[in-house]
Amino acid sequence: MSLYEIYCQHPIVTTDSRNCPDGSIFFALRGERFDGNQYAAEVLQKGCVCAVVDDASVIPADPALAAKYMLVANVLTALQELAAEHRRHLTIPVIGITGTNGKTTTKELTNAVLSQKYNVLATQGNLNNQIGVPLTLLKIRPEHEIAIIEMGANHPMDIADLCAIVRPDFGLITNVGKAHLLGFGSLEGVVEAKTKLYDSLCETGGTAFIDAGNELLTPRAIGLKTIPYGSAGDVQGRMTDCSPFLSLELSIGQENVGISTNLIGSYNLINVMAAAAVGHQFGVSANAIKAAIEGYRPQNMRSQLVDLGHDNFLILDAYNANPTSMAAAIGSFAHNSAAHKNLILGSMGELGEESQAEHRRILELLADADATFDSILLVGEEFTKAFKALSDGVAVALAKHTTRCYATSDALCADDSALKNLCGTTLIKGSRSVQLEKVADVLRK
């Protein structure tokens, strides 16, 4: 029996030996610090019907026991091939979403909008990599009517490889910016990598949702079937308020609606328009789009507003950061109407040779910002190095904001004087590796 035939009879897949539902198929993935092959016997005892392994030595000699093992050349490849086979049997629309910033928020908003009318299967959290994407596809069941697959990338061919599995009918690139430069090499490398989604749509005759105002992406969509939004197309909008929550007026076809979101940051305007454009294409009414967007609340440290009491608030945006998202967050926060504003910024990762230059540019942006911050607290080695190397003029400009540097988030957490003096609204923004959530936890107490 082929692996796909086994899957059709037992359509539950797991890669975690601690989570083995009865009747599931276990894929023994390998990592730098683990080898799933070593848990094959254990998961079969727990109730899995099949263990997919790539180490023949773990297969028992007893034919009756060995029958529950499937030996493959590479377990990850087998998982991806199974997902691709399942995708070939699907007849529902599949929407692929990628981008440097905003892809998870746009995916969540799009899911909320489409769920007003359809049974939707969407990527959970940010399971958007070479493992998460096939696992998501394998969760699609006959009752689902639309699938939304988020795709992330750290290297030039990641999106191309994922598109070969997903084969999206529709695609949306939120934007392109400076991120993962260690893997992509340059902004042009980012553009080339992300627009592999357009190449896939071109090959399959698919359709791209395009931010009509994005000068980096629109030229790459020439020759594609496109649905524009933003500055052109059936869905356009304008911000009416952002202090701190984004409010906007949205034009959807022939209808106009006012929307009050739970999103922080003017940069989310284009993400809302993207989700509305997808909803409009699939026949979701303007009022249903409004209800979905107004009902969405960000989680998992993605521009969350945390009420600390006594008119003190956190804008917690510490899931990840890159130069583009950092600049956008600072720019939006600079126009926040709070009387007292503070910044806690963590170093940005995976920038390679451009790291020091990009951190220095963020500090120069802060120095030139048309806003006054009570405190700027910088966390991480890269920001510390950049701060020490600033020109006298920039250093003086930052001094007026009471700028301090800390090697780690733990070091900042230990500085009671710095944290206890924070009042008003504080933006916490940084790469996940800096663990700025530790600082948020201290401020919550």
Protein backbone atom coordinates (compact mmCIF):
# COMPACT_ATOMS: atom_id res chain seq x y z
CA MET A 1 0.00 0.00 0.00
CA SER A 2 1.35 3.44 -0.93
CA LEU A 3 1.82 6.19 1.63
CA TYR A 4 -0.99 8.21 0.07
CA GLU A 5 -3.35 5.22 0.30
CA ILE A 6 -2.48 4.88 3.99
CA TYR A 7 -3.08 8.61 4.44
CA CYS A 8 -6.50 8.41 2.75
CA GLN A 9 -7.54 5.79 5.32
CA HIS A 10 -5.82 7.57 8.24
CA PRO A 11 -5.69 11.32 7.41
CA ILE A 12 -4.00 12.47 10.60
CA VAL A 13 -0.30 13.29 10.46
CA THR A 14 2.05 13.98 13.37
CA THR A 15 5.74 14.78 13.73
CA ASP A 16 5.68 15.01 17.53
CA SER A 17 6.16 11.79 19.50
CA ARG A 18 4.39 13.47 22.43
CA ASN A 19 1.24 14.02 20.37
CA CYS A 20 0.15 10.78 18.73
CA PRO A 21 -3.62 10.57 18.12
CA ASP A 22 -4.98 7.08 17.57
CA GLY A 23 -4.77 6.10 13.93
CA SER A 24 -2.23 8.80 12.99
CA ILE A 25 0.84 8.57 10.76
CA PHE A 26 4.14 9.54 12.40
CA PHE A 27 6.87 11.19 10.33
CA ALA A 28 10.24 10.70 12.03
CA LEU A 29 11.85 14.02 11.18
CA ARG A 30 15.45 14.75 12.06
CA GLY A 31 16.88 17.96 13.48
CA GLU A 32 20.16 19.27 14.80
CA ARG A 33 19.37 17.98 18.28
CA PHE A 34 16.88 15.18 17.72
CA ASP A 35 16.18 12.17 15.55
CA GLY A 36 12.56 11.15 15.23
CA ASN A 37 13.58 7.68 14.12
CA GLN A 38 14.44 6.88 17.71
CA TYR A 39 10.80 7.33 18.73
CA ALA A 40 9.21 5.18 16.05
CA ALA A 41 8.56 2.15 18.26
CA GLU A 42 7.19 4.38 21.02
CA VAL A 43 4.65 6.16 18.82
CA LEU A 44 3.38 2.88 17.40
CA GLN A 45 2.72 1.70 20.93
CA LYS A 46 0.85 4.94 21.59
CA GLY A 47 -1.58 4.35 18.73
CA CYS A 48 0.02 5.48 15.46
CA VAL A 49 -0.79 3.15 12.55
CA CYS A 50 2.41 3.86 10.63
CA ALA A 51 5.87 5.27 11.29
CA VAL A 52 7.65 6.81 8.31
CA VAL A 53 11.40 6.48 8.93
CA ASP A 54 14.67 6.89 7.06
CA ASP A 55 16.85 4.79 9.37
CA ALA A 56 16.51 1.10 8.58
CA SER A 57 18.15 0.10 11.85
CA VAL A 58 15.05 1.06 13.87
CA ILE A 59 12.80 -1.35 11.98
CA PRO A 60 12.32 -4.58 13.97
CA ALA A 61 13.09 -7.96 12.50
CA ASP A 62 9.64 -9.33 13.33
CA PRO A 63 7.64 -9.03 10.07
CA ALA A 64 4.40 -8.36 11.95
CA LEU A 65 5.94 -5.36 13.71
CA ALA A 66 7.96 -4.22 10.69
CA ALA A 67 4.73 -3.96 8.67
CA LYS A 68 3.89 -0.75 10.54
CA TYR A 69 7.08 0.96 9.38
CA MET A 70 7.62 2.63 6.02
CA LEU A 71 11.26 3.15 5.06
CA VAL A 72 11.96 6.16 2.82
CA ALA A 73 15.12 7.87 1.62
CA ASN A 74 14.31 11.12 3.46
CA VAL A 75 11.40 11.65 5.84
CA LEU A 76 11.01 15.38 5.16
CA THR A 77 10.95 14.79 1.42
CA ALA A 78 8.36 12.05 1.91
CA LEU A 79 6.19 14.43 3.96
CA GLN A 80 6.41 17.08 1.25
CA GLU A 81 5.66 14.60 -1.52
CA LEU A 82 2.63 13.30 0.36
CA ALA A 83 1.33 16.88 0.76
CA ALA A 84 1.91 17.55 -2.94
CA GLU A 85 -0.01 14.39 -3.84
CA HIS A 86 -2.89 15.44 -1.58
CA ARG A 87 -2.87 18.88 -3.19
CA ARG A 88 -3.24 17.30 -6.64
CA HIS A 89 -6.51 15.71 -5.51
CA LEU A 90 -7.99 18.98 -4.17
CA THR A 91 -10.53 20.94 -6.18
CA ILE A 92 -11.01 23.89 -3.80
CA PRO A 93 -9.34 27.29 -4.35
CA VAL A 94 -5.94 27.51 -2.67
CA ILE A 95 -4.61 30.96 -1.79
CA GLY A 96 -0.88 31.38 -1.17
CA ILE A 97 0.31 34.34 0.93
CA THR A 98 3.88 35.51 1.45
CA GLY A 99 5.76 38.76 2.00
CA THR A 100 8.46 40.32 4.15
CA ASN A 101 6.08 41.88 6.67
CA GLY A 102 2.42 41.45 7.49
CA LYS A 103 1.90 38.03 5.97
CA THR A 104 0.63 36.41 9.16
CA THR A 105 -1.65 39.34 9.98
CA THR A 106 -2.94 39.42 6.39
CA LYS A 107 -3.50 35.67 6.50
CA GLU A 108 -5.44 35.96 9.75
CA LEU A 109 -7.53 38.85 8.44
CA THR A 110 -8.22 37.00 5.19
CA ASN A 111 -9.22 33.91 7.14
CA ALA A 112 -11.61 35.97 9.25
CA VAL A 113 -13.15 37.57 6.15
CA LEU A 114 -13.57 34.39 4.13
CA SER A 115 -14.89 32.51 7.16
CA GLN A 116 -17.92 34.79 7.05
CA LYS A 117 -19.09 32.75 4.04
CA TYR A 118 -16.93 29.63 3.72
CA ASN A 119 -15.45 26.74 5.66
CA VAL A 120 -11.79 27.79 5.54
CA LEU A 121 -8.60 25.93 6.36
CA ALA A 122 -5.77 28.39 7.08
CA THR A 123 -2.21 28.05 8.30
CA GLN A 124 -2.13 27.99 12.08
CA GLY A 125 0.18 30.54 13.66
CA ASN A 126 3.27 30.90 11.49
CA LEU A 127 3.70 27.27 10.42
CA ASN A 128 4.88 28.55 7.07
CA ASN A 129 8.12 26.67 6.41
CA GLN A 130 9.22 23.48 4.70
CA ILE A 131 7.57 21.42 7.46
CA GLY A 132 4.61 23.61 8.39
CA VAL A 133 3.30 24.07 4.86
CA PRO A 134 2.94 20.35 4.06
CA LEU A 135 1.43 19.71 7.49
CA THR A 136 -1.14 22.43 6.79
CA LEU A 137 -2.05 21.00 3.39
CA LEU A 138 -2.52 17.58 4.93
CA LYS A 139 -5.17 19.01 7.27
CA ILE A 140 -7.47 19.90 4.39
CA ARG A 141 -10.62 17.77 4.52
CA PRO A 142 -13.56 17.31 2.14
CA GLU A 143 -15.64 19.79 4.14
CA HIS A 144 -13.22 22.66 3.53
CA GLU A 145 -14.19 25.10 0.78
CA ILE A 146 -11.10 27.34 0.60
CA ALA A 147 -7.52 26.99 1.85
CA ILE A 148 -5.15 29.81 2.81
CA ILE A 149 -1.50 28.78 2.95
CA GLU A 150 1.11 31.13 4.39
CA MET A 151 4.60 30.67 3.01
CA GLY A 152 7.78 32.04 4.58
CA ALA A 153 11.31 32.16 3.24
CA ASN A 154 14.87 32.55 4.52
CA HIS A 155 16.66 31.48 1.33
CA PRO A 156 16.36 32.26 -2.39
CA MET A 157 14.46 29.13 -3.48
CA ASP A 158 12.22 28.60 -0.45
CA ILE A 159 9.08 30.12 -2.01
CA ALA A 160 9.67 28.30 -5.29
CA ASP A 161 10.00 25.00 -3.43
CA LEU A 162 6.86 25.63 -1.38
CA CYS A 163 4.87 26.69 -4.43
CA ALA A 164 5.79 23.39 -6.08
CA ILE A 165 3.95 21.70 -3.19
CA VAL A 166 1.09 24.19 -2.72
CA ARG A 167 0.39 25.01 -6.39
CA PRO A 168 -1.72 28.05 -5.40
CA ASP A 169 -4.63 29.18 -7.56
CA PHE A 170 -4.39 32.69 -6.10
CA GLY A 171 -1.40 34.47 -4.63
CA LEU A 172 -0.74 37.57 -2.54
CA ILE A 173 2.62 39.12 -1.67
CA THR A 174 2.07 41.66 1.10
CA ASN A 175 5.32 43.56 0.47
CA VAL A 176 9.07 43.12 0.12
CA GLY A 177 11.67 44.64 2.39
CA LYS A 178 15.02 44.14 4.07
CA ALA A 179 14.80 40.88 5.99
CA HIS A 180 16.85 37.68 6.14
CA LEU A 181 19.61 39.45 4.19
CA LEU A 182 22.02 36.82 5.48
CA GLY A 183 20.17 34.33 3.27
CA PHE A 184 18.97 36.58 0.43
CA GLY A 185 22.03 38.81 0.11
CA SER A 186 20.21 42.01 -0.82
CA LEU A 187 16.80 43.63 -1.24
CA GLU A 188 16.84 42.53 -4.86
CA GLY A 189 17.42 39.00 -3.61
CA VAL A 190 14.33 39.34 -1.41
CA VAL A 191 12.26 40.53 -4.38
CA GLU A 192 13.50 37.66 -6.55
CA ALA A 193 12.69 35.11 -3.85
CA LYS A 194 9.21 36.39 -2.98
CA THR A 195 8.10 36.83 -6.59
CA LYS A 196 8.65 33.14 -7.21
CA LEU A 197 5.00 33.08 -6.14
CA TYR A 198 4.16 35.12 -9.25
CA ASP A 199 6.22 32.71 -11.36
CA SER A 200 4.18 29.82 -9.99
CA LEU A 201 0.90 31.58 -10.76
CA CYS A 202 2.11 32.35 -14.27
CA GLU A 203 2.84 28.66 -14.87
CA THR A 204 -0.54 27.49 -13.59
CA GLY A 205 -2.70 30.32 -14.94
CA GLY A 206 -3.43 31.58 -11.44
CA THR A 207 -4.36 35.07 -10.27
CA ALA A 208 -2.38 37.50 -8.11
CA PHE A 209 -3.83 40.05 -5.70
CA ILE A 210 -1.58 43.09 -6.17
CA ASP A 211 -0.98 46.16 -4.02
CA ALA A 212 -1.31 48.63 -6.87
CA GLY A 213 0.92 51.14 -5.12
CA ASN A 214 3.88 48.83 -4.55
CA GLU A 215 6.53 49.90 -7.04
CA LEU A 216 8.73 46.87 -6.37
CA LEU A 217 6.01 44.29 -6.97
CA THR A 218 3.74 45.64 -9.70
CA PRO A 219 6.39 45.39 -12.47
CA ARG A 220 6.96 41.75 -11.53
CA ALA A 221 3.28 40.92 -12.12
CA ILE A 222 3.23 41.93 -15.78
CA GLY A 223 1.66 39.14 -17.81
CA LEU A 224 -0.25 37.76 -14.84
CA LYS A 225 -3.96 37.83 -14.21
CA THR A 226 -4.18 40.38 -11.39
CA ILE A 227 -6.69 41.86 -8.96
CA PRO A 228 -5.39 45.25 -7.80
CA TYR A 229 -6.20 46.84 -4.46
CA GLY A 230 -4.98 49.86 -2.53
CA SER A 231 -4.44 52.83 -4.83
CA ALA A 232 -6.47 51.20 -7.62
CA GLY A 233 -9.04 48.44 -8.05
CA ASP A 234 -12.35 47.58 -6.42
CA VAL A 235 -10.96 47.86 -2.87
CA GLN A 236 -9.43 51.13 -1.77
CA GLY A 237 -9.21 52.82 1.60
CA ARG A 238 -7.87 55.63 3.72
CA MET A 239 -6.92 55.87 7.37
CA THR A 240 -9.13 58.06 9.55
CA ASP A 241 -7.44 57.48 12.90
CA CYS A 242 -4.58 55.57 14.49
CA SER A 243 -4.39 56.51 18.16
CA PRO A 244 -3.70 53.81 18.94
CA PHE A 245 -6.14 51.60 16.99
CA LEU A 246 -6.43 51.87 13.23
CA SER A 247 -9.72 53.20 11.88
CA LEU A 248 -10.38 53.53 8.18
CA GLU A 249 -12.89 54.12 5.46
CA LEU A 250 -13.00 51.32 2.93
CA SER A 251 -14.45 51.41 -0.57
CA ILE A 252 -15.49 47.90 -1.63
CA GLY A 253 -16.95 47.83 -5.10
CA GLN A 254 -19.83 50.30 -5.01
CA GLU A 255 -20.11 50.36 -1.20
CA ASN A 256 -18.33 52.41 1.43
CA VAL A 257 -17.90 51.23 5.02
CA GLY A 258 -16.21 52.66 8.08
CA ILE A 259 -14.13 50.15 10.02
CA SER A 260 -12.73 50.43 13.54
CA THR A 261 -10.08 47.77 14.00
CA ASN A 262 -8.15 46.35 16.93
CA LEU A 263 -4.94 46.74 14.93
CA ILE A 264 -2.16 49.11 15.93
CA GLY A 265 -0.05 50.83 13.31
CA SER A 266 -0.88 52.71 10.13
CA TYR A 267 1.09 50.08 8.22
CA ASN A 268 -1.82 47.69 8.77
CA LEU A 269 -4.04 49.70 6.42
CA ILE A 270 -2.71 47.86 3.37
CA ASN A 271 -3.13 44.49 5.14
CA VAL A 272 -6.80 45.25 5.77
CA MET A 273 -7.29 46.24 2.13
CA ALA A 274 -5.62 43.02 0.99
CA ALA A 275 -7.97 40.87 3.07
CA ALA A 276 -10.96 42.88 1.86
CA ALA A 277 -9.86 42.42 -1.76
CA VAL A 278 -9.73 38.65 -1.32
CA GLY A 279 -13.12 38.66 0.38
CA HIS A 280 -14.65 40.79 -2.36
CA GLN A 281 -13.29 38.47 -5.04
CA PHE A 282 -14.97 35.53 -3.33
CA GLY A 283 -18.32 37.25 -2.88
CA VAL A 284 -18.16 38.25 0.78
CA SER A 285 -20.38 41.30 1.33
CA ALA A 286 -18.99 44.64 2.44
CA ASN A 287 -20.84 44.43 5.76
CA ALA A 288 -19.50 40.92 6.40
CA ILE A 289 -15.97 42.11 5.60
CA LYS A 290 -16.42 44.97 8.07
CA ALA A 291 -17.68 42.59 10.78
CA ALA A 292 -14.78 40.19 10.26
CA ILE A 293 -12.08 42.86 10.39
CA GLU A 294 -13.59 44.60 13.40
CA GLY A 295 -13.82 41.28 15.23
CA TYR A 296 -10.17 40.33 14.67
CA ARG A 297 -7.78 40.80 17.60
CA PRO A 298 -4.03 40.32 17.13
CA GLN A 299 -2.26 37.86 19.39
CA ASN A 300 1.16 36.30 19.92
CA MET A 301 3.08 39.56 20.40
CA ARG A 302 2.01 41.01 17.04
CA SER A 303 1.11 44.64 17.78
CA GLN A 304 -0.87 43.71 20.87
CA LEU A 305 -2.09 46.49 23.12
CA VAL A 306 -1.56 45.61 26.78
CA ASP A 307 -3.29 47.74 29.41
CA LEU A 308 -0.99 48.07 32.43
CA GLY A 309 -3.45 50.22 34.35
CA HIS A 310 -3.16 53.84 35.50
CA ASP A 311 -3.16 55.04 31.86
CA ASN A 312 -0.03 53.05 31.03
CA PHE A 313 0.03 50.81 27.96
CA LEU A 314 2.35 48.50 26.05
CA ILE A 315 2.34 48.02 22.32
CA LEU A 316 3.88 44.56 22.24
CA ASP A 317 5.33 43.81 18.81
CA ALA A 318 8.15 41.49 19.77
CA TYR A 319 7.45 38.48 17.59
CA ASN A 320 9.96 39.54 14.97
CA ALA A 321 11.67 42.54 13.42
CA ASN A 322 13.61 43.60 10.36
CA PRO A 323 14.68 47.04 9.11
CA THR A 324 11.47 47.58 7.13
CA SER A 325 9.07 46.59 9.90
CA MET A 326 11.15 48.40 12.54
CA ALA A 327 11.07 51.66 10.58
CA ALA A 328 7.33 51.31 9.95
CA ALA A 329 6.60 50.65 13.63
CA ILE A 330 8.69 53.63 14.76
CA GLY A 331 7.14 55.89 12.12
CA SER A 332 3.62 54.97 13.18
CA PHE A 333 4.43 55.24 16.89
CA ALA A 334 5.96 58.69 16.40
CA HIS A 335 2.48 59.94 15.46
CA ASN A 336 0.78 58.23 18.42
CA SER A 337 -1.16 60.81 20.40
CA ALA A 338 0.04 59.59 23.84
CA ALA A 339 1.47 62.36 26.00
CA HIS A 340 4.38 60.16 27.12
CA LYS A 341 6.01 57.66 24.75
CA ASN A 342 8.87 55.21 25.23
CA LEU A 343 10.68 52.77 22.96
CA ILE A 344 12.22 49.42 23.86
CA LEU A 345 13.94 48.13 20.73
CA GLY A 346 15.70 44.79 20.30
CA SER A 347 18.38 43.97 17.76
CA MET A 348 17.31 42.64 14.36
CA GLY A 349 18.66 39.25 13.31
CA GLU A 350 19.81 37.59 10.09
CA LEU A 351 21.08 40.75 8.39
CA GLY A 352 24.56 39.46 7.59
CA GLU A 353 27.12 42.03 6.48
CA GLU A 354 24.44 44.74 6.43
CA SER A 355 23.62 44.35 10.12
CA GLN A 356 25.62 47.26 11.51
CA ALA A 357 24.57 49.59 8.73
CA GLU A 358 20.89 48.73 9.18
CA HIS A 359 20.99 49.18 12.96
CA ARG A 360 22.77 52.50 12.50
CA ARG A 361 20.05 53.62 10.05
CA ILE A 362 17.38 52.85 12.65
CA LEU A 363 19.23 54.98 15.21
CA GLU A 364 19.55 57.79 12.67
CA LEU A 365 15.82 57.49 12.00
CA LEU A 366 15.17 57.89 15.73
CA ALA A 367 17.42 60.92 15.86
CA ASP A 368 15.49 62.54 13.01
CA ALA A 369 12.04 61.50 14.24
CA ASP A 370 9.51 64.29 14.55
CA ALA A 371 8.56 63.13 18.04
CA THR A 372 9.87 63.21 21.58
CA PHE A 373 10.36 59.95 23.45
CA ASP A 374 10.78 59.94 27.21
CA SER A 375 13.12 56.93 26.96
CA ILE A 376 14.73 54.82 24.25
CA LEU A 377 16.05 51.53 25.60
CA LEU A 378 18.14 49.51 23.13
CA VAL A 379 18.66 45.80 23.73
CA GLY A 380 21.16 43.50 22.06
CA GLU A 381 24.71 43.42 20.79
CA GLU A 382 23.97 44.86 17.34
CA PHE A 383 22.20 47.97 18.63
CA THR A 384 24.90 48.46 21.28
CA LYS A 385 27.66 48.35 18.65
CA ALA A 386 25.79 50.72 16.37
CA PHE A 387 25.14 53.16 19.20
CA LYS A 388 28.80 53.28 20.16
CA ALA A 389 29.78 54.00 16.54
CA LEU A 390 27.36 56.91 16.00
CA SER A 391 28.53 60.29 14.85
CA ASP A 392 28.53 63.03 17.47
CA GLY A 393 25.53 64.74 15.90
CA VAL A 394 23.33 61.65 15.97
CA ALA A 395 24.48 60.75 19.48
CA VAL A 396 23.54 64.22 20.74
CA ALA A 397 20.13 64.00 19.06
CA LEU A 398 19.46 60.64 20.72
CA ALA A 399 20.65 61.90 24.11
CA LYS A 400 17.60 64.14 24.36
CA HIS A 401 15.46 60.97 24.42
CA THR A 402 17.41 59.48 27.38
CA THR A 403 18.81 56.60 25.33
CA ARG A 404 20.41 53.61 27.08
CA CYS A 405 21.87 50.31 25.84
CA TYR A 406 21.64 46.82 27.34
CA ALA A 407 23.42 43.67 26.21
CA THR A 408 20.42 41.42 26.83
CA SER A 409 16.76 41.56 27.82
CA ASP A 410 17.76 40.08 31.18
CA ALA A 411 20.09 43.04 31.74
CA LEU A 412 17.25 45.46 31.08
CA CYS A 413 14.90 43.49 33.32
CA ALA A 414 17.43 43.88 36.13
CA ASP A 415 17.49 47.67 35.77
CA ASP A 416 14.59 48.64 38.00
CA SER A 417 15.31 52.34 37.64
CA ALA A 418 14.83 52.25 33.87
CA LEU A 419 11.63 50.22 33.86
CA LYS A 420 9.93 51.82 36.85
CA ASN A 421 10.32 55.26 35.31
CA LEU A 422 8.38 54.29 32.18
CA CYS A 423 4.95 55.85 31.98
CA GLY A 424 2.45 56.44 29.20
CA THR A 425 2.69 54.18 26.14
CA THR A 426 5.71 52.00 25.41
CA LEU A 427 6.42 50.29 22.09
CA ILE A 428 8.35 47.01 22.42
CA LYS A 429 9.76 45.91 19.08
CA GLY A 430 12.53 43.44 18.27
CA SER A 431 13.52 40.11 16.80
CA ARG A 432 12.30 37.00 18.55
CA SER A 433 15.85 36.00 19.47
CA VAL A 434 16.19 39.01 21.80
CA GLN A 435 13.29 37.73 23.96
CA LEU A 436 11.78 41.11 24.71
CA GLU A 437 8.69 39.34 26.07
CA LYS A 438 10.72 39.02 29.28
CA VAL A 439 10.67 42.80 29.58
CA ALA A 440 6.94 42.85 28.91
CA ASP A 441 6.41 40.31 31.68
CA VAL A 442 8.29 42.51 34.15
CA LEU A 443 6.26 45.57 33.16
CA ARG A 444 3.04 43.63 33.59
CA LYS A 445 3.80 42.91 37.26
